Amino acid sequence: MSRDFLAEALDLARQGEGQASPNPMVGAVVVRDQEAVGRGYHTYAGVKHAEVLAIEQAGVNAQGAVMYVSLEPCSHQGRTARCVDAIVAAGIRRVVAPIEDPDPRVSGEGFRRLREAGIEVEIDARHAARARKINEAFLHFQRTQRPFVTLKAALTLDGKIAAPLDNVGWITSERARAHVQTLRHASDCILTGIGTVLADDCVLTDRTGLPRGRPLLRIVLDSQLRLPLNSRIVTGCRNDLLVVATSAAGADRRTALEQAGVEVITLDGGDGRTHLPALVDWLGRRQRQSLLLEAGSKVNWAALEAGIVDRVFLYYAPKILGGMQSLPVAGGPGRPRRRDAIQLRDLTLHPIPPDEFAVESYLEKP
């Protein structure tokens, strides 16, 4: 039965998607006499952690019960009291979890405190892979202090993202594009290049309609500050738009954008471009734990070459554009030899009926 209740805790954790950041998604189930008597999941705005919510719902039934929780309970004082203290006070006799919390303020300390209080702790590793997947952005951030970066693109079967002339219409279906919205909802920020904005007048919003803990931060790479003040992304700005420029950009353009409510920062890279690794570091310092790239061929290659991409999510449609002028998913100079190709691992195919699919894979890094 422990496996089923822990799976339920993981299902509950997933309900905090888009709402828990910068905290992890956590779900908890309190079980007594093989019956769930309390459930909870964490949302940042809701303040209380999943364990506390589950204990409160269980009430007196928490005494002598077992708690199944998707992540090691916290053992540090933050916006709320320590979850381990609430577990001890409630009289929980056993705690089952799949993984430790890598946050250095916790990292095994929560389990140690529970054991010291006489509470049995069980690590159910059968659910570890799923637990890590649910919180992969949080876990990555705890290791690196940088956001987890996903490069998303819609492609034809021959790897093209744009035709040389008329690009009206979509490559993928409405169903595939709806799936993309789930990626946006799970992300703290989304990035594109000025070329994409000028071509599409895109808005880059989360259109799932699901609640968010904080607004999706929209980011435009715009070295010369060419972003039109009347573009939809600017006119719809609500303190959720960041433009990354270089020092070559005009001061008057910067002032105009800032007066429109846009935050502008300067990060100089090579060849007159913005510096992508510096941007990732900047976002990390502001507790932005996940970044989704929805950009064009040049920006995609720049991100891959800079080594900032952690995962790709490529949506394939049953179409072929062909030709030498149609743009590939990653342009630029590329790698001159096959043995120098960027390597990926842990590939997963996601069917999108009736005849599309997405490829999810992770960048091989030193």
Protein backbone atom coordinates (compact mmCIF):
# COMPACT_ATOMS: atom_id res chain seq x y z
CA MET A 1 0.00 0.00 0.00
CA SER A 2 2.90 2.37 0.63
CA ARG A 3 3.63 2.56 -3.07
CA ASP A 4 0.06 3.64 -3.89
CA PHE A 5 -0.06 6.36 -1.20
CA LEU A 6 3.32 7.74 -2.22
CA ALA A 7 2.15 7.83 -5.83
CA GLU A 8 -0.86 9.84 -4.63
CA ALA A 9 1.47 12.25 -2.83
CA LEU A 10 3.37 12.74 -6.09
CA ASP A 11 0.09 13.36 -7.94
CA LEU A 12 -0.78 16.00 -5.34
CA ALA A 13 2.65 17.62 -5.71
CA ARG A 14 2.04 18.07 -9.44
CA GLN A 15 -1.04 20.17 -8.66
CA GLY A 16 1.33 22.88 -7.43
CA GLU A 17 2.83 23.31 -10.91
CA GLY A 18 3.11 26.98 -11.79
CA GLN A 19 2.22 27.92 -8.22
CA ALA A 20 5.00 26.62 -5.96
CA SER A 21 8.11 28.31 -7.44
CA PRO A 22 10.58 29.28 -6.05
CA ASN A 23 9.73 26.48 -3.62
CA PRO A 24 9.52 22.83 -4.71
CA MET A 25 6.25 21.12 -5.57
CA VAL A 26 5.36 18.92 -2.61
CA GLY A 27 2.40 16.67 -1.92
CA ALA A 28 1.61 14.82 1.32
CA VAL A 29 -0.88 12.15 2.38
CA VAL A 30 -1.56 11.16 6.01
CA VAL A 31 -2.71 7.54 6.29
CA ARG A 32 -4.24 5.76 9.26
CA ASP A 33 -5.51 2.19 9.21
CA GLN A 34 -4.84 2.08 5.47
CA GLU A 35 -7.13 5.04 4.82
CA ALA A 36 -6.07 8.52 3.70
CA VAL A 37 -7.23 10.93 6.42
CA GLY A 38 -5.38 14.06 5.29
CA ARG A 39 -4.02 15.44 2.04
CA GLY A 40 -2.18 18.61 1.02
CA TYR A 41 0.00 20.18 -1.64
CA HIS A 42 2.09 23.32 -1.58
CA THR A 43 1.45 26.61 -3.34
CA TYR A 44 3.71 29.55 -2.62
CA ALA A 45 0.81 31.97 -2.22
CA GLY A 46 -0.89 29.56 0.17
CA VAL A 47 2.22 29.73 2.39
CA LYS A 48 1.55 26.52 4.36
CA HIS A 49 3.52 23.49 3.25
CA ALA A 50 1.93 20.26 2.06
CA GLU A 51 2.78 18.38 5.26
CA VAL A 52 1.09 20.96 7.48
CA LEU A 53 -2.03 21.07 5.30
CA ALA A 54 -2.31 17.27 5.37
CA ILE A 55 -1.88 17.19 9.16
CA GLU A 56 -4.50 19.90 9.65
CA GLN A 57 -6.98 17.98 7.51
CA ALA A 58 -6.25 14.76 9.40
CA GLY A 59 -6.77 16.40 12.79
CA VAL A 60 -6.66 13.93 15.68
CA ASN A 61 -6.31 11.09 13.19
CA ALA A 62 -2.72 12.15 12.57
CA GLN A 63 -1.74 10.61 15.93
CA GLY A 64 0.01 7.32 15.19
CA ALA A 65 -0.47 7.71 11.43
CA VAL A 66 1.94 7.35 8.49
CA MET A 67 2.80 10.31 6.27
CA TYR A 68 3.68 9.81 2.63
CA VAL A 69 5.41 12.91 1.25
CA SER A 70 6.99 13.55 -2.16
CA LEU A 71 10.12 15.26 -0.81
CA GLU A 72 12.07 15.30 2.44
CA PRO A 73 10.26 17.56 4.96
CA CYS A 74 11.95 20.90 5.59
CA SER A 75 14.00 21.41 8.74
CA HIS A 76 14.71 25.14 8.53
CA GLN A 77 12.76 28.22 9.53
CA GLY A 78 11.61 30.21 6.51
CA ARG A 79 8.27 31.90 5.87
CA THR A 80 6.78 29.02 7.86
CA ALA A 81 7.86 26.90 10.81
CA ARG A 82 9.78 23.67 10.26
CA CYS A 83 7.65 20.88 8.80
CA VAL A 84 9.57 18.33 10.88
CA ASP A 85 8.37 20.08 14.04
CA ALA A 86 4.74 19.91 12.86
CA ILE A 87 5.15 16.20 12.06
CA VAL A 88 6.60 15.47 15.50
CA ALA A 89 3.91 17.52 17.27
CA ALA A 90 1.13 15.73 15.35
CA GLY A 91 2.30 12.32 16.60
CA ILE A 92 3.10 10.89 13.14
CA ARG A 93 4.86 7.54 13.70
CA ARG A 94 6.40 6.95 10.25
CA VAL A 95 7.35 9.10 7.25
CA VAL A 96 7.82 7.67 3.74
CA ALA A 97 9.51 9.77 1.04
CA PRO A 98 11.27 9.02 -2.26
CA ILE A 99 14.20 11.49 -2.20
CA GLU A 100 16.13 13.94 -0.05
CA ASP A 101 15.74 17.68 -0.53
CA PRO A 102 19.05 18.97 -1.98
CA ASP A 103 18.50 22.42 -0.46
CA PRO A 104 21.61 22.78 1.76
CA ARG A 105 19.36 24.00 4.57
CA VAL A 106 17.64 20.58 4.53
CA SER A 107 19.62 17.90 2.63
CA GLY A 108 19.18 14.97 5.01
CA GLU A 109 18.70 17.15 8.09
CA GLY A 110 14.91 16.74 7.94
CA PHE A 111 15.18 12.95 7.99
CA ARG A 112 17.78 13.11 10.78
CA ARG A 113 15.55 15.27 12.99
CA LEU A 114 12.62 12.92 12.47
CA ARG A 115 14.69 9.89 13.45
CA GLU A 116 16.00 11.70 16.52
CA ALA A 117 12.38 12.28 17.55
CA GLY A 118 11.70 8.54 17.33
CA ILE A 119 9.87 8.67 14.00
CA GLU A 120 10.61 5.90 11.53
CA VAL A 121 11.85 7.17 8.15
CA GLU A 122 11.59 5.09 4.99
CA ILE A 123 13.14 6.10 1.65
CA ASP A 124 11.03 4.51 -1.09
CA ALA A 125 13.43 4.67 -4.05
CA ARG A 126 10.87 3.10 -6.40
CA HIS A 127 9.38 6.57 -6.81
CA ALA A 128 12.67 8.47 -6.88
CA ALA A 129 12.84 8.99 -10.65
CA ARG A 130 9.33 10.42 -10.82
CA ALA A 131 9.95 12.60 -7.77
CA ARG A 132 13.08 14.03 -9.39
CA LYS A 133 11.25 14.60 -12.68
CA ILE A 134 8.43 16.56 -11.02
CA ASN A 135 10.91 18.90 -9.34
CA GLU A 136 13.71 18.83 -11.91
CA ALA A 137 13.88 22.63 -12.16
CA PHE A 138 14.06 23.05 -8.38
CA LEU A 139 16.65 20.29 -8.02
CA HIS A 140 18.75 21.76 -10.85
CA PHE A 141 18.57 25.20 -9.27
CA GLN A 142 19.68 23.88 -5.89
CA ARG A 143 22.72 22.30 -7.52
CA THR A 144 23.71 25.18 -9.79
CA GLN A 145 21.89 28.35 -8.62
CA ARG A 146 20.90 28.75 -12.28
CA PRO A 147 17.53 28.19 -13.94
CA PHE A 148 16.77 24.93 -15.73
CA VAL A 149 16.68 25.88 -19.44
CA THR A 150 14.43 24.16 -21.99
CA LEU A 151 14.72 24.85 -25.73
CA LYS A 152 11.35 24.34 -27.40
CA ALA A 153 10.74 24.37 -31.16
CA ALA A 154 8.12 23.26 -33.70
CA LEU A 155 9.67 21.49 -36.71
CA THR A 156 8.86 19.77 -39.94
CA LEU A 157 10.10 16.21 -40.26
CA ASP A 158 13.18 17.52 -42.07
CA GLY A 159 14.04 19.78 -39.15
CA LYS A 160 12.85 23.14 -40.51
CA ILE A 161 11.23 25.83 -38.36
CA ALA A 162 10.54 28.50 -41.00
CA ALA A 163 10.13 28.88 -44.75
CA PRO A 164 12.18 31.46 -46.70
CA LEU A 165 9.15 33.54 -47.74
CA ASP A 166 5.61 33.43 -46.40
CA ASN A 167 5.46 32.06 -42.83
CA VAL A 168 1.77 32.61 -42.23
CA GLY A 169 0.18 29.75 -40.33
CA TRP A 170 1.50 27.10 -37.98
CA ILE A 171 3.84 24.16 -38.42
CA THR A 172 2.15 22.03 -35.76
CA SER A 173 -1.49 21.39 -34.87
CA GLU A 174 -3.64 23.11 -32.27
CA ARG A 175 -3.27 20.05 -30.05
CA ALA A 176 0.53 20.28 -30.15
CA ARG A 177 0.39 24.01 -29.44
CA ALA A 178 -1.84 23.36 -26.44
CA HIS A 179 0.85 21.05 -25.09
CA VAL A 180 3.37 23.87 -25.48
CA GLN A 181 1.20 25.97 -23.19
CA THR A 182 1.75 23.40 -20.44
CA LEU A 183 5.49 24.01 -20.80
CA ARG A 184 4.91 27.75 -20.48
CA HIS A 185 2.76 27.23 -17.41
CA ALA A 186 5.50 25.17 -15.76
CA SER A 187 8.15 27.84 -16.46
CA ASP A 188 9.16 30.91 -14.48
CA CYS A 189 10.25 32.78 -17.62
CA ILE A 190 10.14 32.57 -21.40
CA LEU A 191 12.70 33.98 -23.85
CA THR A 192 12.74 34.90 -27.52
CA GLY A 193 14.78 37.09 -29.86
CA ILE A 194 13.85 40.45 -31.37
CA GLY A 195 13.64 38.84 -34.81
CA THR A 196 10.79 36.62 -33.68
CA VAL A 197 8.94 39.56 -32.14
CA LEU A 198 9.33 41.71 -35.25
CA ALA A 199 8.18 38.87 -37.52
CA ASP A 200 5.27 37.54 -35.44
CA ASP A 201 4.29 40.33 -33.02
CA CYS A 202 4.05 37.55 -30.43
CA VAL A 203 2.95 38.03 -26.81
CA LEU A 204 4.50 34.93 -25.15
CA THR A 205 1.81 34.49 -22.50
CA ASP A 206 0.68 31.48 -20.48
CA ARG A 207 -2.70 30.70 -22.01
CA THR A 208 -3.57 27.61 -19.98
CA GLY A 209 -5.90 29.62 -17.75
CA LEU A 210 -4.42 27.82 -14.73
CA PRO A 211 -3.39 29.74 -11.60
CA ARG A 212 0.20 30.93 -11.29
CA GLY A 213 2.22 31.81 -8.22
CA ARG A 214 3.87 34.71 -10.03
CA PRO A 215 3.60 36.14 -13.55
CA LEU A 216 5.47 34.47 -16.40
CA LEU A 217 8.49 36.73 -17.00
CA ARG A 218 8.76 37.42 -20.73
CA ILE A 219 12.27 38.11 -22.03
CA VAL A 220 13.37 39.56 -25.38
CA LEU A 221 16.98 39.56 -26.57
CA ASP A 222 17.32 42.91 -28.34
CA SER A 223 20.90 44.13 -28.60
CA GLN A 224 19.97 47.39 -30.40
CA LEU A 225 16.61 47.95 -28.66
CA ARG A 226 14.55 47.73 -31.83
CA LEU A 227 11.46 46.55 -29.97
CA PRO A 228 8.51 48.68 -31.15
CA LEU A 229 6.63 50.53 -28.44
CA ASN A 230 3.36 49.60 -30.13
CA SER A 231 4.16 45.86 -30.27
CA ARG A 232 1.68 43.65 -28.42
CA ILE A 233 4.33 42.39 -26.03
CA VAL A 234 5.02 45.98 -24.89
CA THR A 235 1.46 47.29 -24.82
CA GLY A 236 0.43 44.24 -22.79
CA CYS A 237 3.32 44.62 -20.35
CA ARG A 238 2.35 44.41 -16.66
CA ASN A 239 5.74 44.47 -14.96
CA ASP A 240 6.44 41.12 -16.62
CA LEU A 241 8.68 42.08 -19.55
CA LEU A 242 12.47 42.11 -19.56
CA VAL A 243 14.52 43.30 -22.54
CA VAL A 244 18.20 42.37 -22.70
CA ALA A 245 20.31 44.87 -24.65
CA THR A 246 23.96 45.70 -25.24
CA SER A 247 25.80 48.92 -24.48
CA ALA A 248 25.49 49.82 -28.18
CA ALA A 249 21.77 50.47 -27.75
CA GLY A 250 20.60 54.08 -27.72
CA ALA A 251 19.82 55.69 -24.38
CA ASP A 252 16.65 57.29 -25.78
CA ARG A 253 15.26 53.91 -26.80
CA ARG A 254 15.99 52.52 -23.35
CA THR A 255 14.23 55.44 -21.69
CA ALA A 256 11.17 55.04 -23.92
CA LEU A 257 10.87 51.33 -23.13
CA GLU A 258 11.33 51.90 -19.41
CA GLN A 259 8.62 54.55 -19.45
CA ALA A 260 6.35 51.92 -21.03
CA GLY A 261 6.96 49.66 -18.02
CA VAL A 262 9.66 47.47 -19.54
CA GLU A 263 12.71 46.48 -17.51
CA VAL A 264 15.89 46.86 -19.58
CA ILE A 265 19.28 45.41 -18.65
CA THR A 266 22.61 45.52 -20.49
CA LEU A 267 24.62 42.32 -20.87
CA ASP A 268 27.38 42.59 -23.45
CA GLY A 269 28.57 39.44 -25.20
CA GLY A 270 30.71 38.90 -28.27
CA ASP A 271 30.04 40.17 -31.79
CA GLY A 272 27.63 42.82 -30.57
CA ARG A 273 25.25 40.22 -29.12
CA THR A 274 23.83 39.85 -25.65
CA HIS A 275 25.56 37.51 -23.21
CA LEU A 276 23.36 34.48 -22.61
CA PRO A 277 25.30 32.87 -19.73
CA ALA A 278 25.25 36.21 -17.91
CA LEU A 279 21.48 36.37 -18.39
CA VAL A 280 21.04 32.89 -16.92
CA ASP A 281 23.13 33.95 -13.91
CA TRP A 282 21.05 37.14 -13.58
CA LEU A 283 17.83 35.12 -13.54
CA GLY A 284 19.27 32.75 -10.96
CA ARG A 285 20.05 35.60 -8.60
CA ARG A 286 16.37 36.53 -8.82
CA GLN A 287 15.19 33.04 -7.92
CA ARG A 288 13.86 32.28 -11.41
CA GLN A 289 14.28 28.52 -11.53
CA SER A 290 13.10 27.62 -15.03
CA LEU A 291 13.49 29.27 -18.43
CA LEU A 292 11.76 28.27 -21.68
CA LEU A 293 13.34 29.28 -25.00
CA GLU A 294 10.92 29.87 -27.87
CA ALA A 295 13.13 31.60 -30.36
CA GLY A 296 14.46 31.52 -33.90
CA SER A 297 17.28 29.64 -35.52
CA LYS A 298 20.09 32.05 -34.55
CA VAL A 299 19.12 32.37 -30.90
CA ASN A 300 18.64 28.61 -30.63
CA TRP A 301 22.17 27.98 -31.86
CA ALA A 302 23.61 30.72 -29.67
CA ALA A 303 21.97 29.14 -26.62
CA LEU A 304 23.20 25.65 -27.52
CA GLU A 305 26.70 26.84 -28.27
CA ALA A 306 26.82 28.84 -25.03
CA GLY A 307 26.02 25.67 -23.10
CA ILE A 308 23.03 27.10 -21.26
CA VAL A 309 20.45 24.60 -22.57
CA ASP A 310 19.61 21.67 -20.28
CA ARG A 311 16.73 20.08 -22.21
CA VAL A 312 15.14 20.21 -25.65
CA PHE A 313 11.44 19.73 -26.39
CA LEU A 314 10.98 19.43 -30.15
CA TYR A 315 7.50 19.14 -31.68
CA TYR A 316 7.42 17.41 -35.08
CA ALA A 317 4.68 17.79 -37.69
CA PRO A 318 4.20 15.46 -40.70
CA LYS A 319 5.48 18.01 -43.20
CA ILE A 320 8.59 18.58 -45.30
CA LEU A 321 9.75 22.03 -46.42
CA GLY A 322 13.04 21.05 -48.02
CA GLY A 323 15.31 23.53 -49.75
CA MET A 324 18.49 25.22 -48.62
CA GLN A 325 16.81 28.47 -47.58
CA SER A 326 14.32 27.10 -45.06
CA LEU A 327 15.64 27.69 -41.56
CA PRO A 328 16.82 24.78 -39.41
CA VAL A 329 16.04 24.57 -35.71
CA ALA A 330 19.58 25.76 -34.93
CA GLY A 331 21.37 27.95 -37.45
CA GLY A 332 24.64 29.80 -37.08
CA PRO A 333 27.98 28.20 -37.97
CA GLY A 334 27.10 24.86 -36.38
CA ARG A 335 29.68 22.19 -35.67
CA PRO A 336 32.05 21.48 -38.58
CA ARG A 337 32.50 17.75 -37.86
CA ARG A 338 30.04 15.01 -36.98
CA ARG A 339 32.14 13.91 -34.04
CA ASP A 340 31.75 17.40 -32.56
CA ALA A 341 27.94 17.24 -32.55
CA ILE A 342 26.15 18.29 -29.38
CA GLN A 343 25.15 15.08 -27.62
CA LEU A 344 21.80 14.39 -25.99
CA ARG A 345 20.63 11.62 -23.64
CA ASP A 346 17.53 10.13 -22.01
CA LEU A 347 15.28 10.64 -25.01
CA THR A 348 11.51 10.35 -24.56
CA LEU A 349 8.91 10.32 -27.35
CA HIS A 350 5.57 11.97 -26.60
CA PRO A 351 2.85 10.94 -29.11
CA ILE A 352 0.46 13.71 -30.13
CA PRO A 353 -2.38 12.00 -32.00
CA PRO A 354 -3.21 11.55 -34.73
CA ASP A 355 0.18 11.92 -36.41
CA GLU A 356 2.48 14.31 -34.52
CA PHE A 357 4.99 13.70 -31.76
CA ALA A 358 7.40 15.54 -29.49
CA VAL A 359 10.97 14.58 -28.61
CA GLU A 360 12.17 15.39 -25.10
CA SER A 361 15.86 14.95 -24.38
CA TYR A 362 18.61 16.28 -22.16
CA LEU A 363 21.90 17.86 -23.13
CA GLU A 364 24.98 15.83 -22.31
CA LYS A 365 27.21 18.05 -20.18
CA PRO A 366 30.60 17.60 -18.59
